[in-house]
């Protein structure tokens, strides 16, 4: 049977249109190439001779893209292509890469290069991005950790959690730390040994269990933004550990693409010095998460499932879920479209400050202002002394830590208007004061928190400050050498060393607030950093995520932890009424095992955090921390079967007096 005539006609029309497009492309390419030849100013990169075979590059399906690049003064990309076809495969590789970059940037490479030229010109001229704006302290909530107000907001967040979704920004490797794996695979602490992705997933599942009291059967979704560097390894980590107990459908990976690097102020694309048929590329920044949520359709799917708020967090802050439920509660209570979780910052500290900016034309926005921009902006407007500490000892402008809570409805509306595109910036490292040459190639970037800049003036924006930094923020960002330099400059080290030790510090301080007796910290030096090593107390989120849960499971006044002791708790239904630990104790129980510790004393050789010997080999996880853990003696209490258990066995009964008088499956285990 013949095809319908209308289809044949459409095919003819398509063919004519395609032919016209090819002709137009060829004409444009020819004119662009001749214009470059007329100008006679070939760009020379890597001291290559001008032996262009641009005509070859213009042929085929990539001709239009090549002509656009020639018109944008990118001829150097095609220098060195011989006429004999010796590098045809390599040339095709470059064209394929250019096509990929063109397809994955809004507006293509033409828009990318055009934007780059403008931003590089502004950077070279030292343009002020906040010209015409006056800063003031924004509206928000400042909470004292473990206070009645904090707990009230935390419980309000728990009640709203059935409508929460989570977004983890995790596109980076651990190379900056001195770790070859993905950062999500790093252990949060050595006592328990759980990696960041496990702790984050367990935290969401623990909140989910609480949320199911409001909405039975609800599942809290998690999206993880990955990159080429981390995508497969993240998927493998999840698969290897059975998604850490989550349903596979709960977790979605969304991968961001890279962008081309730029070699100079004219926005010439940078070729790889080791392969002239390959462009240098780098990540575009975590601001891509917004466009990915929009373009993937994930945001709309979440909304159809009843998601009301979305919580964004970073990849290596092991304390973030101590504060996120309270921040969610603040967002709900005050109907914030955008709520930034923040911490106190000292004036001029190297961390961005959250400020409300009002333009002389009436526009206003509450945004992050980088520390090196905030002080001069204040001096030039309302504060002649610049960024100074107030009576609290901190700057009135809270420190941004890139943890956000957004209202899903207004967020979706905004992304519909913008496509999720975030204002870009460029940060070239200049070779000298002339600002004419770069030390190394740069690229355009965008930041997740700059979503705030896209919001209309009437949007309800604010912040939630946790006054005690130790309770909410200790990221792992810097390698040992960089960490030492940070401390020397008066800033926190934000290293793997402090990232772990701050977990113990936060847990000890929290238990002290509940009335527990906790031994004083040891003064240590790891990786050249003077640090406090508190008793190594670590518990899983399934044991206690919120303060209310911790209070319900632990009688603080009956808990004594000696100096240098270690206590690890894993299990949803473990209750501690009376416990003394002078050594190391690990408790691990089945989800339906009800365990009561009442009158137990543990005394053994325990665990020792020992500084590394620089002359001996160490694992990467140990090297970046500066210590290894020597486990001499451990008392293991393991309950792998459902039931009621009292430790030590005695006349005590649990609730209905039917508790089993069982000793744990394992007693003392010597390492």
Foldseek 3Di string as FASTA:
>chain_A
DDDDPVVVVVVVVVVVVVVVVLVVLVVLLVVLVVVCVVVVDQDDDPNADAQFPVVVVLDDDLNNVSSLCSNLRQRNLRGPDHPVCPCVVLLVVLSVVQVVQQVQDVNGPSVFLVVLLVQLVCVLVVPFPQPQKAWDQDDAAEDAQPDPLLQVLLVLLLQQLLQEAEEEEFADDCVQAVDGGGQQCFALADQVRHGLQLQVQLLQVLSVVSNCVNPPPRHHAYEYEYEPRCVVVVVVVCVVCVNNPHDPVRYHYFYHYWHFWAFWSSRHTAADPVRSSHTDTDHQESLCVQLRCLVVCVLVVSVVVNRFKYKYDYRFWSQALQRVSSQSSRCVVVVAQKAFEFAFAAQLAQFWFWIWIAGPVGFIFTATDGSVSQQVSCCVHPHVRGFHADPVRTTSGTGGPPIMMGTSPVSNVLCVVVSSDFDKHWDFDAPDPSSGGGPGITGIHGYNRRVRVSDGRPGGYYYYYHHDCLNHGQGARHYLVQLVVQVVVVHHSSHSQCSHQSQLVNVVVLLVVLVAAFEFFDFDAFSNDTDTRGAAEEERVLCPSYSVSVNVAENSNQEYEYGNEHEYEYENAHHEDHEYEAAAEYEHEDNQAHEYEDPYYYHDPHKDWAFDDPVDDDDSSCNRNRTDIDGFKYFYAYYYDHFYEYPCFDCDADDVSPGDNDGGPGGMDGD
